[in-house]
Protein backbone atom coordinates (compact mmCIF):
# COMPACT_ATOMS: atom_id res chain seq x y z
CA MET A 1 -6.85 -10.59 0.74
CA ILE A 2 -4.45 -7.64 0.44
CA PRO A 3 -1.17 -8.06 -1.48
CA LEU A 4 1.81 -6.56 0.35
CA LYS A 5 4.82 -7.23 -1.91
CA ASP A 6 6.09 -9.63 -4.51
CA ASP A 7 9.26 -11.72 -4.52
CA ASN A 8 10.23 -10.57 -8.00
CA PRO A 9 13.32 -8.33 -8.17
CA THR A 10 13.81 -5.82 -10.98
CA ARG A 11 16.98 -4.99 -12.93
CA THR A 12 16.24 -1.29 -13.44
CA MET A 13 14.96 1.60 -11.34
CA PRO A 14 11.19 1.99 -12.01
CA PHE A 15 11.30 5.75 -12.64
CA VAL A 16 7.90 5.93 -14.31
CA THR A 17 6.13 3.83 -11.66
CA VAL A 18 7.55 5.99 -8.88
CA SER A 19 6.72 9.20 -10.79
CA LEU A 20 3.11 8.09 -11.32
CA ILE A 21 2.74 7.29 -7.62
CA VAL A 22 4.20 10.68 -6.64
CA ALA A 23 1.97 12.50 -9.14
CA ASN A 24 -1.18 10.74 -7.92
CA ALA A 25 -0.28 11.40 -4.28
CA ALA A 26 0.48 15.07 -4.99
CA VAL A 27 -2.85 15.57 -6.78
CA PHE A 28 -4.70 13.80 -3.98
CA PHE A 29 -3.17 16.01 -1.28
CA TRP A 30 -3.95 19.06 -3.40
CA GLU A 31 -7.59 17.89 -3.60
CA ARG A 32 -7.73 17.42 0.18
CA LEU A 33 -6.67 21.06 0.67
CA LEU A 34 -9.62 22.32 -1.35
CA PRO A 35 -13.05 23.10 0.14
CA PRO A 36 -15.65 20.31 -0.34
CA ASP A 37 -17.53 22.29 -2.99
CA ALA A 38 -14.35 22.84 -4.96
CA ASN A 39 -13.59 19.11 -4.80
CA GLY A 40 -16.90 18.32 -6.40
CA ALA A 41 -16.29 20.90 -9.12
CA ILE A 42 -12.84 19.43 -9.83
CA ASN A 43 -14.34 15.95 -10.26
CA ARG A 44 -17.03 17.25 -12.61
CA THR A 45 -14.51 19.23 -14.63
CA MET A 46 -11.61 16.77 -14.75
CA GLY A 47 -13.43 13.46 -14.38
CA VAL A 48 -14.76 11.43 -17.32
CA THR A 49 -18.47 12.09 -17.77
CA PRO A 50 -19.78 9.61 -20.39
CA SER A 51 -22.54 11.89 -21.70
CA ASN A 52 -19.93 14.51 -22.63
CA LEU A 53 -18.42 12.04 -25.08
CA THR A 54 -21.60 10.48 -26.45
CA HIS A 55 -24.32 13.16 -26.51
CA PHE A 56 -24.86 14.41 -30.07
CA PRO A 57 -24.24 16.86 -31.54
CA LEU A 58 -20.71 16.84 -30.14
CA GLU A 59 -19.77 20.48 -29.67
CA ALA A 60 -16.07 21.22 -30.14
CA GLU A 61 -15.60 22.66 -26.63
CA ARG A 62 -17.41 19.77 -24.94
CA LEU A 63 -15.53 17.21 -27.03
CA LEU A 64 -12.19 18.82 -26.18
CA HIS A 65 -13.07 18.87 -22.49
CA GLY A 66 -14.18 15.24 -22.66
CA GLY A 67 -10.98 14.21 -24.40
CA LEU A 68 -8.74 15.92 -21.87
CA SER A 69 -10.72 14.47 -18.99
CA LEU A 70 -9.80 10.96 -20.18
CA PHE A 71 -6.27 11.74 -19.00
CA THR A 72 -6.88 14.04 -16.03
CA ALA A 73 -9.36 11.61 -14.47
CA MET A 74 -6.56 9.06 -14.01
CA PHE A 75 -4.96 11.29 -11.36
CA LEU A 76 -8.06 12.05 -9.27
CA HIS A 77 -9.28 9.90 -6.38
CA GLY A 78 -12.31 9.95 -4.13
CA GLY A 79 -10.70 9.13 -0.80
CA ILE A 80 -7.74 7.64 1.05
CA PRO A 81 -8.66 3.95 0.45
CA HIS A 82 -9.19 4.68 -3.25
CA VAL A 83 -5.78 6.23 -3.83
CA ALA A 84 -3.96 4.01 -1.31
CA PHE A 85 -5.02 0.70 -2.88
CA ASN A 86 -4.44 1.94 -6.42
CA MET A 87 -0.93 3.07 -5.55
CA LEU A 88 -0.20 -0.11 -3.58
CA TYR A 89 -1.10 -2.26 -6.58
CA LEU A 90 0.80 0.04 -8.92
CA TRP A 91 3.95 -0.23 -6.80
CA ILE A 92 3.81 -4.01 -6.29
CA PHE A 93 3.12 -4.92 -9.91
CA GLY A 94 4.11 -1.85 -11.93
CA ASN A 95 7.86 -1.96 -11.32
CA ASN A 96 8.25 -5.40 -12.88
CA VAL A 97 6.09 -4.55 -15.88
CA GLU A 98 8.13 -1.37 -16.41
CA ASP A 99 11.31 -3.45 -16.15
CA VAL A 100 10.14 -5.65 -19.03
CA MET A 101 8.85 -2.82 -21.22
CA GLY A 102 11.25 0.01 -20.57
CA HIS A 103 10.28 3.40 -19.21
CA GLY A 104 8.79 5.08 -22.28
CA ARG A 105 6.81 2.07 -23.45
CA PHE A 106 5.50 1.51 -19.95
CA LEU A 107 4.12 5.05 -19.70
CA VAL A 108 2.35 4.74 -23.05
CA PHE A 109 1.01 1.32 -22.01
CA TYR A 110 -0.28 2.69 -18.70
CA LEU A 111 -2.11 5.57 -20.36
CA ALA A 112 -3.47 3.33 -23.14
CA CYS A 113 -4.94 0.90 -20.60
CA GLY A 114 -6.50 3.82 -18.72
CA LEU A 115 -8.09 5.14 -21.92
CA ILE A 116 -9.46 1.72 -22.91
CA ALA A 117 -10.81 1.25 -19.39
CA SER A 118 -12.66 4.57 -19.58
CA PHE A 119 -14.08 3.82 -23.02
CA THR A 120 -15.30 0.44 -21.76
CA GLN A 121 -17.29 2.11 -18.99
CA VAL A 122 -18.53 4.86 -21.34
CA ALA A 123 -19.78 2.18 -23.75
CA ALA A 124 -21.66 0.50 -20.88
CA SER A 125 -23.26 3.74 -19.59
CA PRO A 126 -23.17 6.23 -22.49
CA SER A 127 -25.81 8.56 -21.05
CA SER A 128 -24.39 8.71 -17.52
CA ARG A 129 -23.70 12.16 -16.11
CA VAL A 130 -21.72 10.80 -13.17
CA PRO A 131 -17.99 11.61 -13.54
CA MET A 132 -15.53 8.72 -13.31
CA ILE A 133 -12.24 9.30 -11.53
CA GLY A 134 -9.26 7.21 -10.45
CA ALA A 135 -6.24 5.32 -11.73
CA SER A 136 -8.02 1.99 -11.32
CA GLY A 137 -8.46 1.34 -15.04
CA ALA A 138 -4.81 1.99 -15.84
CA VAL A 139 -3.64 -0.02 -12.82
CA SER A 140 -5.92 -2.87 -13.89
CA GLY A 141 -4.00 -2.95 -17.15
CA ILE A 142 -0.79 -3.36 -15.16
CA LEU A 143 -2.35 -6.29 -13.31
CA GLY A 144 -3.32 -7.96 -16.59
CA ALA A 145 0.19 -7.52 -17.96
CA TYR A 146 1.78 -8.88 -14.77
CA LEU A 147 -0.46 -11.94 -14.89
CA VAL A 148 0.83 -12.75 -18.38
CA LEU A 149 4.46 -11.95 -17.64
CA PHE A 150 4.89 -13.42 -14.16
CA PRO A 151 2.08 -15.90 -13.39
CA ALA A 152 4.25 -17.91 -10.98
CA ALA A 153 5.76 -14.96 -9.09
CA ARG A 154 5.13 -15.23 -5.35
CA VAL A 155 3.07 -12.42 -3.86
CA LEU A 156 3.04 -12.01 -0.07
CA THR A 157 -0.60 -11.50 0.80
CA LEU A 158 -2.37 -10.44 3.98
CA VAL A 159 -5.21 -12.91 4.52
CA PHE A 160 -8.06 -12.37 6.98
CA VAL A 161 -9.73 -15.55 8.25
CA VAL A 162 -12.39 -14.72 10.84
CA PHE A 163 -10.28 -13.38 13.74
CA PHE A 164 -6.94 -14.55 12.40
CA VAL A 165 -4.61 -12.58 10.15
CA ARG A 166 -1.76 -14.27 8.30
CA VAL A 167 0.72 -13.36 5.59
CA ILE A 168 0.78 -16.09 2.95
CA PRO A 169 2.72 -16.26 -0.33
CA PHE A 170 0.50 -16.98 -3.33
CA PRO A 171 1.37 -17.31 -7.02
CA ALA A 172 0.44 -14.15 -8.90
CA ILE A 173 -1.99 -16.09 -11.07
CA ILE A 174 -4.04 -16.90 -7.95
CA ILE A 175 -4.06 -13.37 -6.55
CA LEU A 176 -4.74 -11.62 -9.83
CA GLY A 177 -7.14 -14.28 -11.07
CA PHE A 178 -9.13 -13.95 -7.84
CA TRP A 179 -9.12 -10.14 -8.18
CA PHE A 180 -10.44 -10.37 -11.74
CA LEU A 181 -13.12 -12.86 -10.72
CA LEU A 182 -14.34 -10.42 -8.05
CA GLN A 183 -14.64 -7.70 -10.71
CA LEU A 184 -16.66 -9.98 -12.99
CA LEU A 185 -19.02 -10.86 -10.15
CA GLN A 186 -19.77 -7.16 -9.69
CA VAL A 187 -20.24 -6.30 -13.36
CA GLY A 188 -23.00 -3.79 -14.03
CA PRO A 189 -23.32 -0.26 -15.45
CA VAL A 190 -22.10 1.16 -12.13
CA ALA A 191 -21.59 -1.12 -9.16
CA ALA A 192 -22.75 -0.39 -5.63
CA GLY A 193 -20.88 2.52 -4.14
CA GLY A 194 -20.35 4.14 -7.53
CA VAL A 195 -17.49 1.81 -8.57
CA ALA A 196 -17.08 1.62 -12.34
CA VAL A 197 -16.26 -2.10 -12.36
CA LEU A 198 -16.41 -2.44 -16.14
CA ALA A 199 -13.52 0.03 -16.34
CA HIS A 200 -11.51 -2.41 -14.22
CA VAL A 201 -12.47 -5.29 -16.50
CA GLY A 202 -11.70 -3.28 -19.63
CA GLY A 203 -8.30 -2.18 -18.30
CA PHE A 204 -7.36 -5.71 -17.23
CA VAL A 205 -8.27 -7.23 -20.61
CA ALA A 206 -6.44 -4.40 -22.37
CA GLY A 207 -3.31 -5.15 -20.36
CA ILE A 208 -3.42 -8.80 -21.42
CA ALA A 209 -4.10 -7.92 -25.06
CA LEU A 210 -1.41 -5.22 -25.36
CA ILE A 211 1.47 -6.81 -23.49
CA ALA A 212 2.86 -8.65 -26.53
CA ALA A 213 3.18 -5.37 -28.44
CA PHE A 214 4.83 -3.45 -25.59
CA ARG A 215 7.28 -5.84 -23.94
CA ARG A 216 10.91 -5.77 -25.05
CA HIS A 217 11.58 -9.36 -24.03
CA ARG A 218 9.60 -12.30 -22.71
CA PRO A 219 10.32 -13.58 -19.18
CA ARG A 220 10.81 -17.35 -18.84
CA GLN A 221 7.62 -17.83 -16.89
CA SER A 222 5.39 -15.77 -19.22
CA LEU A 223 2.05 -17.34 -20.15
CA PHE A 224 2.60 -16.50 -23.83
């Protein structure tokens, strides 16, 4: 199932959501222009490597690099599907969450969910030397917030059934609940294909936990 759009209009222009999508796309195209070796070096330098944050003694330079990478890693992606799906989910669900929070609060919320997601994965694999990259953790936080705020919102979803393809509207609680279930079924230190699934889980739970502190008002259909 691939969500395409929601039937949930906003009252304000989602400046931050659009800016994040543009920034992620710009960084991705910049990465694609680099030679393959340089791409790998960028990921090692700007991605989150758990051992850099957990290996004692923590040298000042390594700790500073590890701290900065927690932010820079959110704007790096490993391929077109990686960045495309992250940005699709950010656009569909981020604009409504930004509408409820306001622009400044939304940006802080997004970054906070990304940080918590990274720390969740670091806690699961503290000695890993494999860099983590992607906006998935932060976007997962947006999904968790949307689930709380708009559980009944209709999401037009592309559904593949054997050889048939249909677009079906589902309540957000079904789409996002199914997405979260898939993440839980894949939980492990690092899932097949190098996907840091626990970062997704950590970001999603963070979004649910933080929404009450960040929203300016509660929509009628909010879960709590």
